[in-house]
Each structure stands twice: as structure tokens, then as C-alpha cells.
PDB file of N, CA and C in Angstrom:
ATOM      1  N   MET A   1      56.019  93.706  77.160  1.00  0.00           N
ATOM      2  CA  MET A   1      54.618  93.423  76.815  1.00  0.00           C
ATOM      3  C   MET A   1      53.731  92.892  77.757  1.00  0.00           C
ATOM      4  N   LYS A   2      54.529  91.870  78.488  1.00  0.00           N
ATOM      5  CA  LYS A   2      53.898  91.373  79.598  1.00  0.00           C
ATOM      6  C   LYS A   2      53.073  91.979  80.641  1.00  0.00           C
ATOM      7  N   CYS A   3      54.044  93.049  80.942  1.00  0.00           N
ATOM      8  CA  CYS A   3      53.375  93.853  82.150  1.00  0.00           C
ATOM      9  C   CYS A   3      52.069  94.716  81.723  1.00  0.00           C
ATOM     10  N   TYR A   4      52.281  95.153  80.422  1.00  0.00           N
ATOM     11  CA  TYR A   4      50.943  95.773  79.560  1.00  0.00           C
ATOM     12  C   TYR A   4      49.803  94.954  79.795  1.00  0.00           C
ATOM     13  N   ARG A   5      49.969  93.451  79.262  1.00  0.00           N
ATOM     14  CA  ARG A   5      48.939  92.792  79.332  1.00  0.00           C
ATOM     15  C   ARG A   5      48.478  92.555  80.662  1.00  0.00           C
ATOM     16  N   ARG A   6      49.292  92.413  81.792  1.00  0.00           N
ATOM     17  CA  ARG A   6      48.792  92.277  82.959  1.00  0.00           C
ATOM     18  C   ARG A   6      48.053  93.488  83.619  1.00  0.00           C
ATOM     19  N   MET A   7      48.627  94.595  83.063  1.00  0.00           N
ATOM     20  CA  MET A   7      48.116  95.826  83.650  1.00  0.00           C
ATOM     21  C   MET A   7      46.394  95.726  83.145  1.00  0.00           C
ATOM     22  N   LEU A   8      46.247  95.238  81.775  1.00  0.00           N
ATOM     23  CA  LEU A   8      44.817  95.205  81.181  1.00  0.00           C
ATOM     24  C   LEU A   8      44.283  93.920  81.653  1.00  0.00           C
ATOM     25  N   ARG A   9      44.851  93.148  82.438  1.00  0.00           N
ATOM     26  CA  ARG A   9      44.341  91.929  82.739  1.00  0.00           C
ATOM     27  C   ARG A   9      43.820  91.137  81.421  1.00  0.00           C
ATOM     28  N   ILE A  10      44.723  90.989  80.656  1.00  0.00           N
ATOM     29  CA  ILE A  10      44.548  90.203  79.472  1.00  0.00           C
ATOM     30  C   ILE A  10      45.074  88.829  79.788  1.00  0.00           C
ATOM     31  N   PRO A  11      44.481  87.725  79.712  1.00  0.00           N
ATOM     32  CA  PRO A  11      45.074  86.328  79.649  1.00  0.00           C
ATOM     33  C   PRO A  11      46.107  86.152  78.693  1.00  0.00           C
ATOM     34  N   CYS A  12      47.057  85.374  79.213  1.00  0.00           N
ATOM     35  CA  CYS A  12      48.417  85.039  78.259  1.00  0.00           C
ATOM     36  C   CYS A  12      47.662  84.071  76.926  1.00  0.00           C
ATOM     37  N   ILE A  13      46.292  83.453  77.180  1.00  0.00           N
ATOM     38  CA  ILE A  13      46.049  82.669  76.086  1.00  0.00           C
ATOM     39  C   ILE A  13      45.247  83.576  75.005  1.00  0.00           C
ATOM     40  N   ALA A  14      45.019  84.851  75.437  1.00  0.00           N
ATOM     41  CA  ALA A  14      44.142  85.634  74.364  1.00  0.00           C
ATOM     42  C   ALA A  14      44.891  85.975  73.347  1.00  0.00           C
ATOM     43  N   LYS A  15      44.504  85.747  72.161  1.00  0.00           N
ATOM     44  CA  LYS A  15      45.243  86.038  70.941  1.00  0.00           C
ATOM     45  C   LYS A  15      45.017  87.368  70.463  1.00  0.00           C
ATOM     46  N   ARG A  16      45.849  88.422  71.166  1.00  0.00           N
ATOM     47  CA  ARG A  16      45.760  89.882  70.793  1.00  0.00           C
ATOM     48  C   ARG A  16      47.081  90.221  70.316  1.00  0.00           C
ATOM     49  N   LYS A  17      46.938  91.300  69.388  1.00  0.00           N
ATOM     50  CA  LYS A  17      48.176  91.756  68.937  1.00  0.00           C
ATOM     51  C   LYS A  17      48.785  92.806  69.872  1.00  0.00           C
ATOM     52  N   ASN A  18      50.334  92.998  69.863  1.00  0.00           N
ATOM     53  CA  ASN A  18      50.912  93.882  70.699  1.00  0.00           C
ATOM     54  C   ASN A  18      50.507  95.236  70.453  1.00  0.00           C
ATOM     55  N   THR A  19      50.282  95.629  69.023  1.00  0.00           N
ATOM     56  CA  THR A  19      49.843  96.915  68.563  1.00  0.00           C
ATOM     57  C   THR A  19      48.319  97.301  69.242  1.00  0.00           C
ATOM     58  N   GLU A  20      47.400  96.262  69.283  1.00  0.00           N
ATOM     59  CA  GLU A  20      46.220  96.457  69.698  1.00  0.00           C
ATOM     60  C   GLU A  20      46.280  96.936  71.135  1.00  0.00           C
ATOM     61  N   ILE A  21      47.027  96.322  72.032  1.00  0.00           N
ATOM     62  CA  ILE A  21      47.481  96.522  73.362  1.00  0.00           C
ATOM     63  C   ILE A  21      47.773  98.017  73.479  1.00  0.00           C
ATOM     64  N   LEU A  22      49.188  98.472  72.895  1.00  0.00           N
ATOM     65  CA  LEU A  22      49.591  99.653  72.913  1.00  0.00           C
ATOM     66  C   LEU A  22      48.523 100.707  72.512  1.00  0.00           C
ATOM     67  N   LYS A  23      47.755 100.511  71.472  1.00  0.00           N
ATOM     68  CA  LYS A  23      46.810 101.310  71.197  1.00  0.00           C
ATOM     69  C   LYS A  23      45.706 101.455  72.433  1.00  0.00           C
ATOM     70  N   GLU A  24      45.455 100.608  72.976  1.00  0.00           N
ATOM     71  CA  GLU A  24      44.279 100.586  74.095  1.00  0.00           C
ATOM     72  C   GLU A  24      45.036 101.427  75.357  1.00  0.00           C
ATOM     73  N   LEU A  25      46.365 101.301  75.523  1.00  0.00           N
ATOM     74  CA  LEU A  25      47.016 101.981  76.454  1.00  0.00           C
ATOM     75  C   LEU A  25      47.225 103.316  75.929  1.00  0.00           C
ATOM     76  N   LYS A  26      47.239 103.603  74.902  1.00  0.00           N
ATOM     77  CA  LYS A  26      47.587 104.923  74.142  1.00  0.00           C
ATOM     78  C   LYS A  26      49.026 105.293  74.495  1.00  0.00           C
ATOM     79  N   VAL A  27      49.775 104.282  74.389  1.00  0.00           N
ATOM     80  CA  VAL A  27      51.392 104.391  74.435  1.00  0.00           C
ATOM     81  C   VAL A  27      52.002 103.737  73.025  1.00  0.00           C
ATOM     82  N   GLY A  28      52.887 104.588  72.417  1.00  0.00           N
ATOM     83  CA  GLY A  28      53.224 104.212  71.326  1.00  0.00           C
ATOM     84  C   GLY A  28      54.529 103.502  71.276  1.00  0.00           C
ATOM     85  N   GLN A  29      54.738 102.489  70.445  1.00  0.00           N
ATOM     86  CA  GLN A  29      55.781 101.486  70.484  1.00  0.00           C
ATOM     87  C   GLN A  29      57.310 102.411  70.557  1.00  0.00           C
ATOM     88  N   ASP A  30      57.286 103.881  69.836  1.00  0.00           N
ATOM     89  CA  ASP A  30      58.488 104.609  69.831  1.00  0.00           C
ATOM     90  C   ASP A  30      58.615 104.958  71.515  1.00  0.00           C
ATOM     91  N   TRP A  31      57.543 105.127  72.400  1.00  0.00           N
ATOM     92  CA  TRP A  31      57.986 105.667  73.720  1.00  0.00           C
ATOM     93  C   TRP A  31      58.575 104.431  74.418  1.00  0.00           C
ATOM     94  N   LEU A  32      58.057 103.261  74.118  1.00  0.00           N
ATOM     95  CA  LEU A  32      58.757 102.156  74.826  1.00  0.00           C
ATOM     96  C   LEU A  32      60.326 101.795  74.454  1.00  0.00           C
ATOM     97  N   LEU A  33      60.474 102.087  73.028  1.00  0.00           N
ATOM     98  CA  LEU A  33      61.825 101.850  72.586  1.00  0.00           C
ATOM     99  C   LEU A  33      62.731 102.945  73.171  1.00  0.00           C
ATOM    100  N   ASN A  34      62.281 104.285  73.272  1.00  0.00           N
ATOM    101  CA  ASN A  34      63.020 105.145  73.964  1.00  0.00           C
ATOM    102  C   ASN A  34      63.427 105.072  75.436  1.00  0.00           C
ATOM    103  N   ASN A  35      62.319 104.581  75.970  1.00  0.00           N
ATOM    104  CA  ASN A  35      62.442 104.182  77.570  1.00  0.00           C
ATOM    105  C   ASN A  35      63.813 103.005  77.608  1.00  0.00           C
ATOM    106  N   ILE A  36      63.402 102.186  76.884  1.00  0.00           N
ATOM    107  CA  ILE A  36      64.430 101.102  76.836  1.00  0.00           C
ATOM    108  C   ILE A  36      65.981 101.888  76.500  1.00  0.00           C
ATOM    109  N   LYS A  37      65.723 102.598  75.555  1.00  0.00           N
ATOM    110  CA  LYS A  37      67.182 103.335  75.116  1.00  0.00           C
ATOM    111  C   LYS A  37      67.851 103.964  76.321  1.00  0.00           C
ATOM    112  N   ALA A  38      67.023 104.583  77.007  1.00  0.00           N
ATOM    113  CA  ALA A  38      67.452 105.659  78.112  1.00  0.00           C
ATOM    114  C   ALA A  38      67.953 104.859  79.247  1.00  0.00           C
ATOM    115  N   ARG A  39      67.267 103.705  79.421  1.00  0.00           N
ATOM    116  CA  ARG A  39      67.663 102.687  80.691  1.00  0.00           C
ATOM    117  C   ARG A  39      68.838 102.043  80.273  1.00  0.00           C
ATOM    118  N   LYS A  40      69.252 101.565  78.830  1.00  0.00           N
ATOM    119  CA  LYS A  40      70.447 101.284  78.402  1.00  0.00           C
ATOM    120  C   LYS A  40      71.522 101.905  78.598  1.00  0.00           C
ATOM    121  N   LEU A  41      71.420 103.246  78.084  1.00  0.00           N
ATOM    122  CA  LEU A  41      72.181 104.337  78.133  1.00  0.00           C
ATOM    123  C   LEU A  41      72.915 104.687  79.727  1.00  0.00           C
ATOM    124  N   SER A  42      71.809 104.503  80.509  1.00  0.00           N
ATOM    125  CA  SER A  42      72.193 104.826  81.812  1.00  0.00           C
ATOM    126  C   SER A  42      72.929 103.822  82.493  1.00  0.00           C
ATOM    127  N   TYR A  43      72.485 102.460  82.223  1.00  0.00           N
ATOM    128  CA  TYR A  43      73.160 101.356  82.921  1.00  0.00           C
ATOM    129  C   TYR A  43      74.716 101.149  82.083  1.00  0.00           C
ATOM    130  N   PHE A  44      74.830 101.671  80.758  1.00  0.00           N
ATOM    131  CA  PHE A  44      76.283 101.701  80.160  1.00  0.00           C
ATOM    132  C   PHE A  44      76.914 102.576  80.793  1.00  0.00           C
ATOM    133  N   GLY A  45      76.538 103.758  81.158  1.00  0.00           N
ATOM    134  CA  GLY A  45      77.416 104.776  81.857  1.00  0.00           C
ATOM    135  C   GLY A  45      77.779 104.351  83.434  1.00  0.00           C
ATOM    136  N   HIS A  46      76.814 103.833  83.853  1.00  0.00           N
ATOM    137  CA  HIS A  46      77.008 103.096  85.288  1.00  0.00           C
ATOM    138  C   HIS A  46      78.289 102.028  85.159  1.00  0.00           C
ATOM    139  N   LEU A  47      78.078 101.098  84.378  1.00  0.00           N
ATOM    140  CA  LEU A  47      79.264 100.135  84.047  1.00  0.00           C
ATOM    141  C   LEU A  47      80.518 100.535  83.989  1.00  0.00           C
ATOM    142  N   LYS A  48      80.517 101.640  82.985  1.00  0.00           N
ATOM    143  CA  LYS A  48      81.598 102.320  82.687  1.00  0.00           C
ATOM    144  C   LYS A  48      82.391 103.108  83.910  1.00  0.00           C
ATOM    145  N   ARG A  49      81.567 103.775  84.769  1.00  0.00           N
ATOM    146  CA  ARG A  49      82.181 104.354  85.717  1.00  0.00           C
ATOM    147  C   ARG A  49      82.664 103.473  86.779  1.00  0.00           C
ATOM    148  N   HIS A  50      82.242 102.148  87.073  1.00  0.00           N
ATOM    149  CA  HIS A  50      82.756 101.413  88.148  1.00  0.00           C
ATOM    150  C   HIS A  50      83.436 100.108  87.554  1.00  0.00           C
ATOM    151  N   ASP A  51      84.183  99.761  88.756  1.00  0.00           N
ATOM    152  CA  ASP A  51      85.111  98.553  88.315  1.00  0.00           C
ATOM    153  C   ASP A  51      84.363  97.426  88.834  1.00  0.00           C
ATOM    154  N   SER A  52      83.835  96.597  88.043  1.00  0.00           N
ATOM    155  CA  SER A  52      82.836  95.684  88.359  1.00  0.00           C
ATOM    156  C   SER A  52      83.314  94.360  87.395  1.00  0.00           C
ATOM    157  N   LEU A  53      82.548  93.215  87.730  1.00  0.00           N
ATOM    158  CA  LEU A  53      82.444  91.914  86.793  1.00  0.00           C
ATOM    159  C   LEU A  53      81.762  92.450  85.916  1.00  0.00           C
ATOM    160  N   GLU A  54      80.781  92.909  85.542  1.00  0.00           N
ATOM    161  CA  GLU A  54      79.819  93.228  84.400  1.00  0.00           C
ATOM    162  C   GLU A  54      80.581  94.057  83.551  1.00  0.00           C
ATOM    163  N   LYS A  55      81.566  94.969  84.066  1.00  0.00           N
ATOM    164  CA  LYS A  55      82.382  95.877  83.069  1.00  0.00           C
ATOM    165  C   LYS A  55      83.400  95.079  82.387  1.00  0.00           C
ATOM    166  N   HIS A  56      83.821  94.044  83.326  1.00  0.00           N
ATOM    167  CA  HIS A  56      84.918  93.119  82.488  1.00  0.00           C
ATOM    168  C   HIS A  56      84.124  92.241  81.486  1.00  0.00           C
ATOM    169  N   ILE A  57      83.111  91.810  81.611  1.00  0.00           N
ATOM    170  CA  ILE A  57      82.226  90.912  80.841  1.00  0.00           C
ATOM    171  C   ILE A  57      82.003  91.518  79.598  1.00  0.00           C
ATOM    172  N   LEU A  58      81.375  92.923  79.622  1.00  0.00           N
ATOM    173  CA  LEU A  58      81.051  93.924  78.633  1.00  0.00           C
ATOM    174  C   LEU A  58      82.511  94.205  77.501  1.00  0.00           C
ATOM    175  N   GLU A  59      83.562  94.301  78.211  1.00  0.00           N
ATOM    176  CA  GLU A  59      84.732  94.602  77.557  1.00  0.00           C
ATOM    177  C   GLU A  59      85.514  93.515  77.157  1.00  0.00           C
ATOM    178  N   ALA A  60      85.056  92.200  77.487  1.00  0.00           N
ATOM    179  CA  ALA A  60      86.075  90.939  77.026  1.00  0.00           C
ATOM    180  C   ALA A  60      85.728  90.672  75.599  1.00  0.00           C
ATOM    181  N   ARG A  61      86.825  90.107  74.981  1.00  0.00           N
ATOM    182  CA  ARG A  61      87.057  89.748  73.762  1.00  0.00           C
ATOM    183  C   ARG A  61      87.177  88.173  73.977  1.00  0.00           C
ATOM    184  N   LEU A  62      86.292  87.419  73.209  1.00  0.00           N
ATOM    185  CA  LEU A  62      86.328  86.199  73.092  1.00  0.00           C
ATOM    186  C   LEU A  62      87.119  85.354  72.007  1.00  0.00           C
ATOM    187  N   GLU A  63      87.835  84.240  72.230  1.00  0.00           N
ATOM    188  CA  GLU A  63      88.652  83.688  71.372  1.00  0.00           C
ATOM    189  C   GLU A  63      87.890  82.608  70.513  1.00  0.00           C
ATOM    190  N   GLY A  64      88.207  82.214  69.491  1.00  0.00           N
ATOM    191  CA  GLY A  64      87.500  81.194  68.791  1.00  0.00           C
ATOM    192  C   GLY A  64      86.665  81.603  67.660  1.00  0.00           C
ATOM    193  N   LYS A  65      85.961  80.708  66.928  1.00  0.00           N
ATOM    194  CA  LYS A  65      85.293  81.107  65.957  1.00  0.00           C
ATOM    195  C   LYS A  65      83.764  81.188  66.355  1.00  0.00           C
ATOM    196  N   ARG A  66      83.061  82.372  65.803  1.00  0.00           N
ATOM    197  CA  ARG A  66      81.876  82.427  65.733  1.00  0.00           C
ATOM    198  C   ARG A  66      80.853  81.695  65.321  1.00  0.00           C
ATOM    199  N   ARG A  67      79.709  81.485  65.636  1.00  0.00           N
ATOM    200  CA  ARG A  67      78.623  80.361  65.265  1.00  0.00           C
ATOM    201  C   ARG A  67      78.199  80.905  63.982  1.00  0.00           C
ATOM    202  N   LYS A  68      77.584  79.760  63.170  1.00  0.00           N
ATOM    203  CA  LYS A  68      77.098  80.286  61.630  1.00  0.00           C
ATOM    204  C   LYS A  68      75.906  81.142  61.783  1.00  0.00           C
ATOM    205  N   GLY A  69      75.769  81.870  60.390  1.00  0.00           N
ATOM    206  CA  GLY A  69      74.570  82.614  60.516  1.00  0.00           C
ATOM    207  C   GLY A  69      74.630  84.060  60.697  1.00  0.00           C
ATOM    208  N   ARG A  70      73.647  84.709  61.068  1.00  0.00           N
ATOM    209  CA  ARG A  70      73.670  86.208  61.224  1.00  0.00           C
ATOM    210  C   ARG A  70      74.281  86.685  62.599  1.00  0.00           C
ATOM    211  N   PRO A  71      75.148  87.276  62.479  1.00  0.00           N
ATOM    212  CA  PRO A  71      75.965  87.816  63.821  1.00  0.00           C
ATOM    213  C   PRO A  71      74.822  88.465  64.642  1.00  0.00           C
ATOM    214  N   THR A  72      75.167  88.090  65.940  1.00  0.00           N
ATOM    215  CA  THR A  72      74.049  88.505  67.057  1.00  0.00           C
ATOM    216  C   THR A  72      74.409  90.151  67.378  1.00  0.00           C
ATOM    217  N   ARG A  73      73.315  90.976  67.653  1.00  0.00           N
ATOM    218  CA  ARG A  73      73.536  92.526  67.900  1.00  0.00           C
ATOM    219  C   ARG A  73      74.297  92.478  69.135  1.00  0.00           C
ATOM    220  N   ARG A  74      75.468  93.308  69.326  1.00  0.00           N
ATOM    221  CA  ARG A  74      76.079  93.506  70.710  1.00  0.00           C
ATOM    222  C   ARG A  74      75.449  94.599  71.219  1.00  0.00           C
ATOM    223  N   TRP A  75      75.624  94.731  72.420  1.00  0.00           N
ATOM    224  CA  TRP A  75      75.448  95.738  73.238  1.00  0.00           C
ATOM    225  C   TRP A  75      76.067  97.104  72.823  1.00  0.00           C
ATOM    226  N   THR A  76      77.429  96.846  72.689  1.00  0.00           N
ATOM    227  CA  THR A  76      78.315  98.026  72.144  1.00  0.00           C
ATOM    228  C   THR A  76      77.807  98.752  70.928  1.00  0.00           C
ATOM    229  N   GLU A  77      77.645  97.898  70.134  1.00  0.00           N
ATOM    230  CA  GLU A  77      76.889  98.417  68.777  1.00  0.00           C
ATOM    231  C   GLU A  77      75.678  99.049  68.903  1.00  0.00           C
ATOM    232  N   ASN A  78      74.678  98.800  69.638  1.00  0.00           N
ATOM    233  CA  ASN A  78      73.374  99.644  70.034  1.00  0.00           C
ATOM    234  C   ASN A  78      74.020 101.160  70.572  1.00  0.00           C
ATOM    235  N   ILE A  79      75.100 101.021  71.575  1.00  0.00           N
ATOM    236  CA  ILE A  79      75.571 102.342  72.039  1.00  0.00           C
ATOM    237  C   ILE A  79      76.217 103.128  70.917  1.00  0.00           C
ATOM    238  N   LYS A  80      76.928 102.548  70.211  1.00  0.00           N
ATOM    239  CA  LYS A  80      77.697 103.077  69.046  1.00  0.00           C
ATOM    240  C   LYS A  80      76.616 103.791  68.132  1.00  0.00           C
ATOM    241  N   GLU A  81      75.723 103.126  67.648  1.00  0.00           N
ATOM    242  CA  GLU A  81      74.603 103.616  66.971  1.00  0.00           C
ATOM    243  C   GLU A  81      73.779 104.895  67.567  1.00  0.00           C
ATOM    244  N   TRP A  82      73.460 104.592  68.745  1.00  0.00           N
ATOM    245  CA  TRP A  82      72.568 105.737  69.293  1.00  0.00           C
ATOM    246  C   TRP A  82      73.287 107.237  69.574  1.00  0.00           C
ATOM    247  N   LEU A  83      74.591 106.701  69.965  1.00  0.00           N
ATOM    248  CA  LEU A  83      75.345 108.003  70.377  1.00  0.00           C
ATOM    249  C   LEU A  83      76.265 108.795  69.140  1.00  0.00           C
ATOM    250  N   GLN A  84      76.403 107.791  68.171  1.00  0.00           N
ATOM    251  CA  GLN A  84      77.348 108.112  66.945  1.00  0.00           C
ATOM    252  C   GLN A  84      78.606 108.337  67.230  1.00  0.00           C
ATOM    253  N   ILE A  85      79.264 107.589  68.280  1.00  0.00           N
ATOM    254  CA  ILE A  85      80.617 107.765  68.567  1.00  0.00           C
ATOM    255  C   ILE A  85      81.045 106.346  69.028  1.00  0.00           C
ATOM    256  N   SER A  86      82.356 106.003  68.990  1.00  0.00           N
ATOM    257  CA  SER A  86      82.864 104.721  69.312  1.00  0.00           C
ATOM    258  C   SER A  86      82.654 104.399  70.480  1.00  0.00           C
ATOM    259  N   PRO A  87      82.622 103.038  71.131  1.00  0.00           N
ATOM    260  CA  PRO A  87      82.333 102.670  72.329  1.00  0.00           C
ATOM    261  C   PRO A  87      83.262 103.118  73.325  1.00  0.00           C
ATOM    262  N   THR A  88      84.675 103.202  72.887  1.00  0.00           N
ATOM    263  CA  THR A  88      85.900 103.808  73.785  1.00  0.00           C
ATOM    264  C   THR A  88      85.701 105.144  73.955  1.00  0.00           C
ATOM    265  N   GLU A  89      84.956 105.929  73.007  1.00  0.00           N
ATOM    266  CA  GLU A  89      84.855 107.493  73.348  1.00  0.00           C
ATOM    267  C   GLU A  89      83.610 107.479  74.199  1.00  0.00           C
ATOM    268  N   ALA A  90      82.722 106.841  73.982  1.00  0.00           N
ATOM    269  CA  ALA A  90      81.714 106.476  74.779  1.00  0.00           C
ATOM    270  C   ALA A  90      82.069 106.226  76.485  1.00  0.00           C
ATOM    271  N   GLY A  91      82.892 105.435  76.772  1.00  0.00           N
ATOM    272  CA  GLY A  91      83.415 105.158  77.825  1.00  0.00           C
ATOM    273  C   GLY A  91      84.062 106.480  78.670  1.00  0.00           C
ATOM    274  N   ARG A  92      84.754 107.200  77.886  1.00  0.00           N
ATOM    275  CA  ARG A  92      85.445 108.625  78.216  1.00  0.00           C
ATOM    276  C   ARG A  92      84.245 109.470  78.515  1.00  0.00           C
ATOM    277  N   GLU A  93      83.163 109.352  77.619  1.00  0.00           N
ATOM    278  CA  GLU A  93      81.895 110.378  78.069  1.00  0.00           C
ATOM    279  C   GLU A  93      81.210 109.978  79.276  1.00  0.00           C
ATOM    280  N   ALA A  94      81.288 108.650  79.503  1.00  0.00           N
ATOM    281  CA  ALA A  94      80.514 108.193  80.692  1.00  0.00           C
ATOM    282  C   ALA A  94      81.066 108.770  82.104  1.00  0.00           C
ATOM    283  N   GLN A  95      82.303 109.050  81.723  1.00  0.00           N
ATOM    284  CA  GLN A  95      83.112 109.527  82.978  1.00  0.00           C
ATOM    285  C   GLN A  95      82.449 110.742  83.558  1.00  0.00           C
ATOM    286  N   LYS A  96      81.941 111.602  82.539  1.00  0.00           N
ATOM    287  CA  LYS A  96      81.264 113.030  82.630  1.00  0.00           C
ATOM    288  C   LYS A  96      79.948 112.740  83.260  1.00  0.00           C
ATOM    289  N   ARG A  97      79.146 111.915  83.077  1.00  0.00           N
ATOM    290  CA  ARG A  97      77.802 111.594  83.323  1.00  0.00           C
ATOM    291  C   ARG A  97      76.591 112.193  82.689  1.00  0.00           C
ATOM    292  N   GLU A  98      76.686 113.417  82.094  1.00  0.00           N
ATOM    293  CA  GLU A  98      75.687 114.209  81.619  1.00  0.00           C
ATOM    294  C   GLU A  98      75.081 113.372  80.534  1.00  0.00           C
ATOM    295  N   VAL A  99      75.669 112.759  79.587  1.00  0.00           N
ATOM    296  CA  VAL A  99      75.088 112.147  78.538  1.00  0.00           C
ATOM    297  C   VAL A  99      74.310 110.908  79.156  1.00  0.00           C
ATOM    298  N   PHE A 100      74.816 110.230  79.931  1.00  0.00           N
ATOM    299  CA  PHE A 100      73.975 108.982  80.306  1.00  0.00           C
ATOM    300  C   PHE A 100      73.265 108.922  81.404  1.00  0.00           C
ATOM    301  N   ARG A 101      72.792 110.264  82.121  1.00  0.00           N
ATOM    302  CA  ARG A 101      71.835 110.431  82.815  1.00  0.00           C
ATOM    303  C   ARG A 101      70.345 110.083  82.508  1.00  0.00           C
ATOM    304  N   ARG A 102      69.614 109.404  83.125  1.00  0.00           N
ATOM    305  CA  ARG A 102      68.370 109.289  82.937  1.00  0.00           C
ATOM    306  C   ARG A 102      67.496 110.512  83.032  1.00  0.00           C
ATOM    307  N   GLU A 103      66.574 110.610  82.002  1.00  0.00           N
ATOM    308  CA  GLU A 103      65.888 112.122  82.134  1.00  0.00           C
ATOM    309  C   GLU A 103      64.377 111.709  82.882  1.00  0.00           C
TER     310      GLU A 103
END
């Protein structure tokens, strides 16, 4: 939203709702979420195809107790929800590239 506010030259101290700004730009919130989803899937495919530090961090399992309260939403949970397959199957699909290419 920061970039949209900057495009419209709205100062950061202006008290305007995000929905008003999206209406002014004629861009729906679903467009923004779909764009983020496509970029995340593309990056996930990139991580799974290359052997890198980021890939090891993504696949790491931490030991110990988790913090109190609501569990944080993980990257792999988003991928699992969007693709309707497990993260390990998504990793296999990422090798094919078709699913994870940006449109």
C-alpha cells in the first residue's frame, strides 16, 4: 500500500483508508493478493529448483517449544493451501516449472 500511496502523492500522515486508495486506483484487493500469490509461487519454485541457503532455511525444522498464542502462518502452509497438495509434492512439481511460472 505504501507504493500506491506514493503513486498518488498521499502523505503518510493523511488518514485515508486502504480501500479508498484502491478505489481511486481502480485496483481491487483481490488483484493485489493474486499478484502476491503468483510471486510467492514463482519464488517457491525457484527455491525448490536451486540448492541454496534459503532452501535449507525453508526446509529446516527447529527444535524446542514454540511460543505461546496463535501459531504463525508458515510459507509452506500458504503453498499447501493454494495448490491443494502437500509441500513435498509441490517440491516435485517445482522441478517441472509449469505450475510455478509467473503469468
